[in-house]
Amino acid sequence: MLLHSFIIHVVCMLLHYMYQMLFALSGHDDSVCQVHWSPDDLQILSCSLDGELRLWDAKTGANLRSFHRHEEAVNAFAWLPDGRHFLSGGLDKLLLLWRTDGTVLQ
């Protein structure tokens, strides 16, 4: 994965020195802080200084959902092992527990 500007380039390694870009994930309005695949590798989650998290389809690159609850930059998140929940933390000092359907649990 290469981070350039506000676009995330998802690539696969063909050989030790050759890469093929699968798709580009665009939509964040500021620098991307983290990108992680879900535990089942079906989705990708990203967070950004723009204050939002985005959920992507790992096969097509389609933006499945945007998460808006933080009032400042989101600079960290972690998937829970079930792949349906994640935690996010931001400069607003909030730690939020989410479901991938967009519901904030705490």
PDB file of N, CA and C in Angstrom:
ATOM      1  N   MET A   1       0.831  -1.158   0.000  1.00  0.00           N
ATOM      2  CA  MET A   1       0.000   0.000   0.000  1.00  0.00           C
ATOM      3  C   MET A   1       0.888   1.238   0.000  1.00  0.00           C
ATOM      4  N   LEU A   2       0.611   2.154  -0.905  1.00  0.00           N
ATOM      5  CA  LEU A   2       1.377   3.380  -0.989  1.00  0.00           C
ATOM      6  C   LEU A   2       0.461   4.549  -0.676  1.00  0.00           C
ATOM      7  N   LEU A   3       0.872   5.423   0.214  1.00  0.00           N
ATOM      8  CA  LEU A   3       0.078   6.597   0.543  1.00  0.00           C
ATOM      9  C   LEU A   3       0.677   7.783  -0.188  1.00  0.00           C
ATOM     10  N   HIS A   4      -0.142   8.438  -0.977  1.00  0.00           N
ATOM     11  CA  HIS A   4       0.311   9.598  -1.726  1.00  0.00           C
ATOM     12  C   HIS A   4      -0.813  10.602  -1.724  1.00  0.00           C
ATOM     13  N   SER A   5      -0.526  11.786  -1.221  1.00  0.00           N
ATOM     14  CA  SER A   5      -1.547  12.817  -1.175  1.00  0.00           C
ATOM     15  C   SER A   5      -2.701  12.281  -0.338  1.00  0.00           C
ATOM     16  N   PHE A   6      -3.930  12.362  -0.839  1.00  0.00           N
ATOM     17  CA  PHE A   6      -5.092  11.891  -0.096  1.00  0.00           C
ATOM     18  C   PHE A   6      -5.678  10.646  -0.739  1.00  0.00           C
ATOM     19  N   ILE A   7      -4.915   9.984  -1.599  1.00  0.00           N
ATOM     20  CA  ILE A   7      -5.372   8.788  -2.301  1.00  0.00           C
ATOM     21  C   ILE A   7      -4.559   7.596  -1.810  1.00  0.00           C
ATOM     22  N   ILE A   8      -5.229   6.504  -1.549  1.00  0.00           N
ATOM     23  CA  ILE A   8      -4.576   5.279  -1.113  1.00  0.00           C
ATOM     24  C   ILE A   8      -4.476   4.365  -2.329  1.00  0.00           C
ATOM     25  N   HIS A   9      -3.279   3.967  -2.707  1.00  0.00           N
ATOM     26  CA  HIS A   9      -3.069   3.068  -3.830  1.00  0.00           C
ATOM     27  C   HIS A   9      -2.906   1.653  -3.282  1.00  0.00           C
ATOM     28  N   VAL A  10      -3.786   0.755  -3.674  1.00  0.00           N
ATOM     29  CA  VAL A  10      -3.718  -0.633  -3.233  1.00  0.00           C
ATOM     30  C   VAL A  10      -3.042  -1.424  -4.342  1.00  0.00           C
ATOM     31  N   VAL A  11      -1.962  -2.079  -3.995  1.00  0.00           N
ATOM     32  CA  VAL A  11      -1.182  -2.805  -4.984  1.00  0.00           C
ATOM     33  C   VAL A  11      -0.986  -4.248  -4.538  1.00  0.00           C
ATOM     34  N   CYS A  12      -0.704  -5.104  -5.495  1.00  0.00           N
ATOM     35  CA  CYS A  12      -0.320  -6.469  -5.143  1.00  0.00           C
ATOM     36  C   CYS A  12       1.066  -6.727  -5.714  1.00  0.00           C
ATOM     37  N   MET A  13       1.830  -7.511  -5.013  1.00  0.00           N
ATOM     38  CA  MET A  13       3.183  -7.810  -5.453  1.00  0.00           C
ATOM     39  C   MET A  13       3.139  -9.044  -6.346  1.00  0.00           C
ATOM     40  N   LEU A  14       3.601  -8.895  -7.583  1.00  0.00           N
ATOM     41  CA  LEU A  14       3.627 -10.012  -8.524  1.00  0.00           C
ATOM     42  C   LEU A  14       4.884 -10.849  -8.338  1.00  0.00           C
ATOM     43  N   LEU A  15       5.996 -10.186  -8.287  1.00  0.00           N
ATOM     44  CA  LEU A  15       7.285 -10.816  -8.016  1.00  0.00           C
ATOM     45  C   LEU A  15       7.967  -9.963  -6.960  1.00  0.00           C
ATOM     46  N   HIS A  16       9.186 -10.252  -6.635  1.00  0.00           N
ATOM     47  CA  HIS A  16       9.894  -9.488  -5.606  1.00  0.00           C
ATOM     48  C   HIS A  16      10.102  -8.034  -5.994  1.00  0.00           C
ATOM     49  N   TYR A  17      10.037  -7.714  -7.252  1.00  0.00           N
ATOM     50  CA  TYR A  17      10.326  -6.358  -7.706  1.00  0.00           C
ATOM     51  C   TYR A  17       9.234  -5.775  -8.601  1.00  0.00           C
ATOM     52  N   MET A  18       8.164  -6.514  -8.855  1.00  0.00           N
ATOM     53  CA  MET A  18       7.096  -6.027  -9.735  1.00  0.00           C
ATOM     54  C   MET A  18       5.796  -5.886  -8.950  1.00  0.00           C
ATOM     55  N   TYR A  19       5.093  -4.796  -9.196  1.00  0.00           N
ATOM     56  CA  TYR A  19       3.838  -4.525  -8.520  1.00  0.00           C
ATOM     57  C   TYR A  19       2.771  -4.175  -9.550  1.00  0.00           C
ATOM     58  N   GLN A  20       1.547  -4.466  -9.210  1.00  0.00           N
ATOM     59  CA  GLN A  20       0.416  -4.082 -10.052  1.00  0.00           C
ATOM     60  C   GLN A  20      -0.586  -3.355  -9.178  1.00  0.00           C
ATOM     61  N   MET A  21      -0.996  -2.162  -9.596  1.00  0.00           N
ATOM     62  CA  MET A  21      -2.003  -1.431  -8.829  1.00  0.00           C
ATOM     63  C   MET A  21      -3.367  -2.066  -9.084  1.00  0.00           C
ATOM     64  N   LEU A  22      -4.070  -2.393  -8.005  1.00  0.00           N
ATOM     65  CA  LEU A  22      -5.396  -2.977  -8.113  1.00  0.00           C
ATOM     66  C   LEU A  22      -6.462  -1.895  -8.236  1.00  0.00           C
ATOM     67  N   PHE A  23      -6.362  -0.879  -7.388  1.00  0.00           N
ATOM     68  CA  PHE A  23      -7.280   0.259  -7.436  1.00  0.00           C
ATOM     69  C   PHE A  23      -6.770   1.346  -6.517  1.00  0.00           C
ATOM     70  N   ALA A  24      -7.356   2.529  -6.656  1.00  0.00           N
ATOM     71  CA  ALA A  24      -7.020   3.665  -5.792  1.00  0.00           C
ATOM     72  C   ALA A  24      -8.255   4.013  -4.982  1.00  0.00           C
ATOM     73  N   LEU A  25      -8.057   4.233  -3.696  1.00  0.00           N
ATOM     74  CA  LEU A  25      -9.144   4.607  -2.802  1.00  0.00           C
ATOM     75  C   LEU A  25      -9.074   6.119  -2.599  1.00  0.00           C
ATOM     76  N   SER A  26     -10.043   6.837  -3.120  1.00  0.00           N
ATOM     77  CA  SER A  26     -10.021   8.293  -2.968  1.00  0.00           C
ATOM     78  C   SER A  26     -11.315   8.748  -2.303  1.00  0.00           C
ATOM     79  N   GLY A  27     -11.207   9.802  -1.513  1.00  0.00           N
ATOM     80  CA  GLY A  27     -12.375  10.322  -0.825  1.00  0.00           C
ATOM     81  C   GLY A  27     -12.036  11.138   0.402  1.00  0.00           C
ATOM     82  N   HIS A  28     -10.904  10.858   1.026  1.00  0.00           N
ATOM     83  CA  HIS A  28     -10.499  11.647   2.184  1.00  0.00           C
ATOM     84  C   HIS A  28     -10.083  13.048   1.721  1.00  0.00           C
ATOM     85  N   ASP A  29     -10.347  14.052   2.561  1.00  0.00           N
ATOM     86  CA  ASP A  29     -10.023  15.437   2.238  1.00  0.00           C
ATOM     87  C   ASP A  29      -8.733  15.920   2.887  1.00  0.00           C
ATOM     88  N   ASP A  30      -8.024  15.033   3.559  1.00  0.00           N
ATOM     89  CA  ASP A  30      -6.753  15.390   4.187  1.00  0.00           C
ATOM     90  C   ASP A  30      -5.906  14.128   4.264  1.00  0.00           C
ATOM     91  N   SER A  31      -4.727  14.227   4.807  1.00  0.00           N
ATOM     92  CA  SER A  31      -3.787  13.105   4.853  1.00  0.00           C
ATOM     93  C   SER A  31      -4.375  11.898   5.576  1.00  0.00           C
ATOM     94  N   VAL A  32      -4.056  10.726   5.061  1.00  0.00           N
ATOM     95  CA  VAL A  32      -4.501   9.463   5.641  1.00  0.00           C
ATOM     96  C   VAL A  32      -3.501   9.037   6.703  1.00  0.00           C
ATOM     97  N   CYS A  33      -4.006   8.672   7.877  1.00  0.00           N
ATOM     98  CA  CYS A  33      -3.141   8.285   9.000  1.00  0.00           C
ATOM     99  C   CYS A  33      -2.900   6.781   9.068  1.00  0.00           C
ATOM    100  N   GLN A  34      -3.949   5.987   8.858  1.00  0.00           N
ATOM    101  CA  GLN A  34      -3.817   4.537   8.950  1.00  0.00           C
ATOM    102  C   GLN A  34      -4.736   3.873   7.937  1.00  0.00           C
ATOM    103  N   VAL A  35      -4.317   2.681   7.513  1.00  0.00           N
ATOM    104  CA  VAL A  35      -5.122   1.833   6.633  1.00  0.00           C
ATOM    105  C   VAL A  35      -4.895   0.400   7.087  1.00  0.00           C
ATOM    106  N   HIS A  36      -5.997  -0.349   7.291  1.00  0.00           N
ATOM    107  CA  HIS A  36      -5.870  -1.753   7.706  1.00  0.00           C
ATOM    108  C   HIS A  36      -6.970  -2.593   7.067  1.00  0.00           C
ATOM    109  N   TRP A  37      -6.603  -3.815   6.684  1.00  0.00           N
ATOM    110  CA  TRP A  37      -7.594  -4.773   6.216  1.00  0.00           C
ATOM    111  C   TRP A  37      -8.346  -5.330   7.418  1.00  0.00           C
ATOM    112  N   SER A  38      -9.608  -5.703   7.194  1.00  0.00           N
ATOM    113  CA  SER A  38     -10.399  -6.349   8.241  1.00  0.00           C
ATOM    114  C   SER A  38      -9.828  -7.745   8.501  1.00  0.00           C
ATOM    115  N   PRO A  39     -10.164  -8.335   9.651  1.00  0.00           N
ATOM    116  CA  PRO A  39      -9.634  -9.672   9.960  1.00  0.00           C
ATOM    117  C   PRO A  39      -9.958 -10.731   8.902  1.00  0.00           C
ATOM    118  N   ASP A  40     -11.086 -10.585   8.183  1.00  0.00           N
ATOM    119  CA  ASP A  40     -11.441 -11.552   7.139  1.00  0.00           C
ATOM    120  C   ASP A  40     -10.948 -11.130   5.752  1.00  0.00           C
ATOM    121  N   ASP A  41     -10.231 -10.005   5.668  1.00  0.00           N
ATOM    122  CA  ASP A  41      -9.663  -9.473   4.423  1.00  0.00           C
ATOM    123  C   ASP A  41     -10.704  -9.051   3.386  1.00  0.00           C
ATOM    124  N   LEU A  42     -11.954  -8.863   3.780  1.00  0.00           N
ATOM    125  CA  LEU A  42     -12.996  -8.462   2.837  1.00  0.00           C
ATOM    126  C   LEU A  42     -13.194  -6.954   2.765  1.00  0.00           C
ATOM    127  N   GLN A  43     -12.742  -6.243   3.803  1.00  0.00           N
ATOM    128  CA  GLN A  43     -12.922  -4.800   3.847  1.00  0.00           C
ATOM    129  C   GLN A  43     -11.621  -4.122   4.252  1.00  0.00           C
ATOM    130  N   ILE A  44     -11.528  -2.838   3.908  1.00  0.00           N
ATOM    131  CA  ILE A  44     -10.387  -2.009   4.278  1.00  0.00           C
ATOM    132  C   ILE A  44     -10.940  -0.807   5.022  1.00  0.00           C
ATOM    133  N   LEU A  45     -10.299  -0.421   6.103  1.00  0.00           N
ATOM    134  CA  LEU A  45     -10.714   0.751   6.871  1.00  0.00           C
ATOM    135  C   LEU A  45      -9.569   1.751   6.861  1.00  0.00           C
ATOM    136  N   SER A  46      -9.904   3.028   6.705  1.00  0.00           N
ATOM    137  CA  SER A  46      -8.893   4.085   6.728  1.00  0.00           C
ATOM    138  C   SER A  46      -9.364   5.209   7.630  1.00  0.00           C
ATOM    139  N   CYS A  47      -8.410   5.934   8.201  1.00  0.00           N
ATOM    140  CA  CYS A  47      -8.731   7.123   8.986  1.00  0.00           C
ATOM    141  C   CYS A  47      -7.838   8.261   8.529  1.00  0.00           C
ATOM    142  N   SER A  48      -8.308   9.486   8.774  1.00  0.00           N
ATOM    143  CA  SER A  48      -7.642  10.635   8.192  1.00  0.00           C
ATOM    144  C   SER A  48      -7.666  11.846   9.107  1.00  0.00           C
ATOM    145  N   LEU A  49      -6.797  12.788   8.777  1.00  0.00           N
ATOM    146  CA  LEU A  49      -6.799  14.061   9.472  1.00  0.00           C
ATOM    147  C   LEU A  49      -8.056  14.871   9.174  1.00  0.00           C
ATOM    148  N   ASP A  50      -8.847  14.455   8.178  1.00  0.00           N
ATOM    149  CA  ASP A  50     -10.104  15.150   7.874  1.00  0.00           C
ATOM    150  C   ASP A  50     -11.204  14.839   8.890  1.00  0.00           C
ATOM    151  N   GLY A  51     -10.916  13.956   9.859  1.00  0.00           N
ATOM    152  CA  GLY A  51     -11.861  13.660  10.926  1.00  0.00           C
ATOM    153  C   GLY A  51     -12.811  12.523  10.645  1.00  0.00           C
ATOM    154  N   GLU A  52     -12.601  11.804   9.555  1.00  0.00           N
ATOM    155  CA  GLU A  52     -13.504  10.693   9.272  1.00  0.00           C
ATOM    156  C   GLU A  52     -12.763   9.396   9.024  1.00  0.00           C
ATOM    157  N   LEU A  53     -13.524   8.324   9.155  1.00  0.00           N
ATOM    158  CA  LEU A  53     -13.058   6.991   8.810  1.00  0.00           C
ATOM    159  C   LEU A  53     -13.860   6.562   7.597  1.00  0.00           C
ATOM    160  N   ARG A  54     -13.263   5.732   6.773  1.00  0.00           N
ATOM    161  CA  ARG A  54     -13.963   5.218   5.597  1.00  0.00           C
ATOM    162  C   ARG A  54     -13.779   3.714   5.512  1.00  0.00           C
ATOM    163  N   LEU A  55     -14.855   3.040   5.144  1.00  0.00           N
ATOM    164  CA  LEU A  55     -14.856   1.593   4.964  1.00  0.00           C
ATOM    165  C   LEU A  55     -14.942   1.308   3.467  1.00  0.00           C
ATOM    166  N   TRP A  56     -14.051   0.444   2.985  1.00  0.00           N
ATOM    167  CA  TRP A  56     -13.938   0.147   1.564  1.00  0.00           C
ATOM    168  C   TRP A  56     -14.108  -1.341   1.318  1.00  0.00           C
ATOM    169  N   ASP A  57     -14.617  -1.685   0.149  1.00  0.00           N
ATOM    170  CA  ASP A  57     -14.679  -3.077  -0.287  1.00  0.00           C
ATOM    171  C   ASP A  57     -13.279  -3.458  -0.768  1.00  0.00           C
ATOM    172  N   ALA A  58     -12.692  -4.497  -0.206  1.00  0.00           N
ATOM    173  CA  ALA A  58     -11.309  -4.869  -0.522  1.00  0.00           C
ATOM    174  C   ALA A  58     -11.159  -5.494  -1.903  1.00  0.00           C
ATOM    175  N   LYS A  59     -12.249  -5.948  -2.512  1.00  0.00           N
ATOM    176  CA  LYS A  59     -12.158  -6.552  -3.844  1.00  0.00           C
ATOM    177  C   LYS A  59     -12.356  -5.535  -4.957  1.00  0.00           C
ATOM    178  N   THR A  60     -13.211  -4.533  -4.713  1.00  0.00           N
ATOM    179  CA  THR A  60     -13.548  -3.581  -5.772  1.00  0.00           C
ATOM    180  C   THR A  60     -13.012  -2.174  -5.526  1.00  0.00           C
ATOM    181  N   GLY A  61     -12.711  -1.845  -4.273  1.00  0.00           N
ATOM    182  CA  GLY A  61     -12.287  -0.496  -3.922  1.00  0.00           C
ATOM    183  C   GLY A  61     -13.434   0.474  -3.709  1.00  0.00           C
ATOM    184  N   ALA A  62     -14.661  -0.017  -3.763  1.00  0.00           N
ATOM    185  CA  ALA A  62     -15.831   0.854  -3.570  1.00  0.00           C
ATOM    186  C   ALA A  62     -15.909   1.348  -2.126  1.00  0.00           C
ATOM    187  N   ASN A  63     -16.271   2.616  -1.953  1.00  0.00           N
ATOM    188  CA  ASN A  63     -16.465   3.192  -0.618  1.00  0.00           C
ATOM    189  C   ASN A  63     -17.822   2.706  -0.096  1.00  0.00           C
ATOM    190  N   LEU A  64     -17.795   1.892   0.947  1.00  0.00           N
ATOM    191  CA  LEU A  64     -19.023   1.315   1.496  1.00  0.00           C
ATOM    192  C   LEU A  64     -19.707   2.246   2.486  1.00  0.00           C
ATOM    193  N   ARG A  65     -18.903   2.990   3.262  1.00  0.00           N
ATOM    194  CA  ARG A  65     -19.481   3.845   4.306  1.00  0.00           C
ATOM    195  C   ARG A  65     -18.441   4.834   4.803  1.00  0.00           C
ATOM    196  N   SER A  66     -18.907   6.001   5.200  1.00  0.00           N
ATOM    197  CA  SER A  66     -18.072   6.991   5.869  1.00  0.00           C
ATOM    198  C   SER A  66     -18.582   7.158   7.289  1.00  0.00           C
ATOM    199  N   PHE A  67     -17.679   7.309   8.224  1.00  0.00           N
ATOM    200  CA  PHE A  67     -18.026   7.419   9.634  1.00  0.00           C
ATOM    201  C   PHE A  67     -17.660   8.816  10.127  1.00  0.00           C
ATOM    202  N   HIS A  68     -18.672   9.557  10.582  1.00  0.00           N
ATOM    203  CA  HIS A  68     -18.480  10.941  11.044  1.00  0.00           C
ATOM    204  C   HIS A  68     -18.965  11.054  12.482  1.00  0.00           C
ATOM    205  N   ARG A  69     -18.076  11.188  13.409  1.00  0.00           N
ATOM    206  CA  ARG A  69     -18.451  11.424  14.797  1.00  0.00           C
ATOM    207  C   ARG A  69     -17.372  12.213  15.529  1.00  0.00           C
ATOM    208  N   HIS A  70     -16.138  12.063  15.049  1.00  0.00           N
ATOM    209  CA  HIS A  70     -15.036  12.807  15.642  1.00  0.00           C
ATOM    210  C   HIS A  70     -15.100  14.268  15.203  1.00  0.00           C
ATOM    211  N   GLU A  71     -14.707  15.159  16.108  1.00  0.00           N
ATOM    212  CA  GLU A  71     -14.722  16.587  15.812  1.00  0.00           C
ATOM    213  C   GLU A  71     -13.370  17.094  15.325  1.00  0.00           C
ATOM    214  N   GLU A  72     -12.346  16.254  15.433  1.00  0.00           N
ATOM    215  CA  GLU A  72     -11.009  16.605  14.952  1.00  0.00           C
ATOM    216  C   GLU A  72     -10.426  15.393  14.223  1.00  0.00           C
ATOM    217  N   ALA A  73      -9.156  15.473  13.890  1.00  0.00           N
ATOM    218  CA  ALA A  73      -8.491  14.409  13.139  1.00  0.00           C
ATOM    219  C   ALA A  73      -8.628  13.060  13.837  1.00  0.00           C
ATOM    220  N   VAL A  74      -8.826  12.013  13.029  1.00  0.00           N
ATOM    221  CA  VAL A  74      -8.813  10.636  13.532  1.00  0.00           C
ATOM    222  C   VAL A  74      -7.442  10.075  13.181  1.00  0.00           C
ATOM    223  N   ASN A  75      -6.658   9.765  14.194  1.00  0.00           N
ATOM    224  CA  ASN A  75      -5.289   9.330  13.917  1.00  0.00           C
ATOM    225  C   ASN A  75      -5.006   7.884  14.305  1.00  0.00           C
ATOM    226  N   ALA A  76      -6.020   7.163  14.776  1.00  0.00           N
ATOM    227  CA  ALA A  76      -5.792   5.761  15.140  1.00  0.00           C
ATOM    228  C   ALA A  76      -7.105   4.990  15.134  1.00  0.00           C
ATOM    229  N   PHE A  77      -7.003   3.726  14.785  1.00  0.00           N
ATOM    230  CA  PHE A  77      -8.142   2.821  14.931  1.00  0.00           C
ATOM    231  C   PHE A  77      -7.606   1.395  14.996  1.00  0.00           C
ATOM    232  N   ALA A  78      -8.445   0.482  15.453  1.00  0.00           N
ATOM    233  CA  ALA A  78      -8.074  -0.931  15.517  1.00  0.00           C
ATOM    234  C   ALA A  78      -9.320  -1.773  15.302  1.00  0.00           C
ATOM    235  N   TRP A  79      -9.207  -2.773  14.446  1.00  0.00           N
ATOM    236  CA  TRP A  79     -10.284  -3.732  14.244  1.00  0.00           C
ATOM    237  C   TRP A  79     -10.407  -4.630  15.467  1.00  0.00           C
ATOM    238  N   LEU A  80     -11.611  -5.018  15.822  1.00  0.00           N
ATOM    239  CA  LEU A  80     -11.813  -6.080  16.795  1.00  0.00           C
ATOM    240  C   LEU A  80     -11.767  -7.402  16.039  1.00  0.00           C
ATOM    241  N   PRO A  81     -11.446  -8.496  16.704  1.00  0.00           N
ATOM    242  CA  PRO A  81     -11.273  -9.781  16.009  1.00  0.00           C
ATOM    243  C   PRO A  81     -12.494 -10.257  15.228  1.00  0.00           C
ATOM    244  N   ASP A  82     -13.709  -9.836  15.612  1.00  0.00           N
ATOM    245  CA  ASP A  82     -14.907 -10.304  14.898  1.00  0.00           C
ATOM    246  C   ASP A  82     -15.065  -9.670  13.519  1.00  0.00           C
ATOM    247  N   GLY A  83     -14.314  -8.597  13.210  1.00  0.00           N
ATOM    248  CA  GLY A  83     -14.389  -7.957  11.904  1.00  0.00           C
ATOM    249  C   GLY A  83     -15.633  -7.121  11.682  1.00  0.00           C
ATOM    250  N   ARG A  84     -16.505  -7.020  12.669  1.00  0.00           N
ATOM    251  CA  ARG A  84     -17.728  -6.215  12.559  1.00  0.00           C
ATOM    252  C   ARG A  84     -17.684  -4.982  13.442  1.00  0.00           C
ATOM    253  N   HIS A  85     -16.654  -4.863  14.256  1.00  0.00           N
ATOM    254  CA  HIS A  85     -16.502  -3.743  15.182  1.00  0.00           C
ATOM    255  C   HIS A  85     -15.074  -3.214  15.116  1.00  0.00           C
ATOM    256  N   PHE A  86     -14.911  -1.935  15.458  1.00  0.00           N
ATOM    257  CA  PHE A  86     -13.587  -1.344  15.553  1.00  0.00           C
ATOM    258  C   PHE A  86     -13.630  -0.174  16.525  1.00  0.00           C
ATOM    259  N   LEU A  87     -12.468   0.174  17.031  1.00  0.00           N
ATOM    260  CA  LEU A  87     -12.303   1.334  17.909  1.00  0.00           C
ATOM    261  C   LEU A  87     -11.594   2.426  17.132  1.00  0.00           C
ATOM    262  N   SER A  88     -11.968   3.683  17.382  1.00  0.00           N
ATOM    263  CA  SER A  88     -11.256   4.801  16.762  1.00  0.00           C
ATOM    264  C   SER A  88     -10.910   5.832  17.823  1.00  0.00           C
ATOM    265  N   GLY A  89      -9.787   6.502  17.606  1.00  0.00           N
ATOM    266  CA  GLY A  89      -9.348   7.554  18.512  1.00  0.00           C
ATOM    267  C   GLY A  89      -8.875   8.748  17.719  1.00  0.00           C
ATOM    268  N   GLY A  90      -9.141   9.929  18.273  1.00  0.00           N
ATOM    269  CA  GLY A  90      -8.767  11.131  17.548  1.00  0.00           C
ATOM    270  C   GLY A  90      -8.204  12.214  18.446  1.00  0.00           C
ATOM    271  N   LEU A  91      -7.834  13.306  17.799  1.00  0.00           N
ATOM    272  CA  LEU A  91      -7.290  14.440  18.533  1.00  0.00           C
ATOM    273  C   LEU A  91      -8.339  15.119  19.404  1.00  0.00           C
ATOM    274  N   ASP A  92      -9.607  14.797  19.210  1.00  0.00           N
ATOM    275  CA  ASP A  92     -10.676  15.319  20.067  1.00  0.00           C
ATOM    276  C   ASP A  92     -10.753  14.573  21.395  1.00  0.00           C
ATOM    277  N   LYS A  93      -9.832  13.621  21.604  1.00  0.00           N
ATOM    278  CA  LYS A  93      -9.724  12.824  22.830  1.00  0.00           C
ATOM    279  C   LYS A  93     -10.897  11.868  23.034  1.00  0.00           C
ATOM    280  N   LEU A  94     -11.605  11.541  21.951  1.00  0.00           N
ATOM    281  CA  LEU A  94     -12.682  10.566  22.011  1.00  0.00           C
ATOM    282  C   LEU A  94     -12.149   9.203  21.599  1.00  0.00           C
ATOM    283  N   LEU A  95     -12.598   8.178  22.286  1.00  0.00           N
ATOM    284  CA  LEU A  95     -12.356   6.797  21.909  1.00  0.00           C
ATOM    285  C   LEU A  95     -13.732   6.196  21.663  1.00  0.00           C
ATOM    286  N   LEU A  96     -14.001   5.820  20.412  1.00  0.00           N
ATOM    287  CA  LEU A  96     -15.335   5.361  20.042  1.00  0.00           C
ATOM    288  C   LEU A  96     -15.309   3.901  19.621  1.00  0.00           C
ATOM    289  N   LEU A  97     -16.346   3.166  20.014  1.00  0.00           N
ATOM    290  CA  LEU A  97     -16.544   1.785  19.596  1.00  0.00           C
ATOM    291  C   LEU A  97     -17.632   1.785  18.532  1.00  0.00           C
ATOM    292  N   TRP A  98     -17.310   1.296  17.346  1.00  0.00           N
ATOM    293  CA  TRP A  98     -18.209   1.324  16.198  1.00  0.00           C
ATOM    294  C   TRP A  98     -18.608  -0.085  15.770  1.00  0.00           C
ATOM    295  N   ARG A  99     -19.763  -0.166  15.123  1.00  0.00           N
ATOM    296  CA  ARG A  99     -20.108  -1.326  14.296  1.00  0.00           C
ATOM    297  C   ARG A  99     -19.894  -0.894  12.855  1.00  0.00           C
ATOM    298  N   THR A 100     -19.607  -1.820  11.976  1.00  0.00           N
ATOM    299  CA  THR A 100     -19.362  -1.453  10.582  1.00  0.00           C
ATOM    300  C   THR A 100     -20.617  -0.940   9.873  1.00  0.00           C
ATOM    301  N   ASP A 101     -21.786  -1.074  10.507  1.00  0.00           N
ATOM    302  CA  ASP A 101     -23.000  -0.495   9.919  1.00  0.00           C
ATOM    303  C   ASP A 101     -23.120   0.991  10.223  1.00  0.00           C
ATOM    304  N   GLY A 102     -22.164   1.556  10.978  1.00  0.00           N
ATOM    305  CA  GLY A 102     -22.145   2.984  11.278  1.00  0.00           C
ATOM    306  C   GLY A 102     -22.623   3.338  12.666  1.00  0.00           C
ATOM    307  N   THR A 103     -23.114   2.377  13.420  1.00  0.00           N
ATOM    308  CA  THR A 103     -23.609   2.613  14.764  1.00  0.00           C
ATOM    309  C   THR A 103     -22.439   2.810  15.739  1.00  0.00           C
ATOM    310  N   VAL A 104     -22.521   3.849  16.555  1.00  0.00           N
ATOM    311  CA  VAL A 104     -21.537   4.053  17.627  1.00  0.00           C
ATOM    312  C   VAL A 104     -22.107   3.411  18.878  1.00  0.00           C
ATOM    313  N   LEU A 105     -21.354   2.503  19.477  1.00  0.00           N
ATOM    314  CA  LEU A 105     -21.821   1.775  20.650  1.00  0.00           C
ATOM    315  C   LEU A 105     -21.430   2.489  21.947  1.00  0.00           C
ATOM    316  N   GLN A 106     -20.263   3.113  21.981  1.00  0.00           N
ATOM    317  CA  GLN A 106     -19.818   3.844  23.174  1.00  0.00           C
ATOM    318  C   GLN A 106     -18.913   4.976  22.769  1.00  0.00           C
TER     319      GLN A 106
END
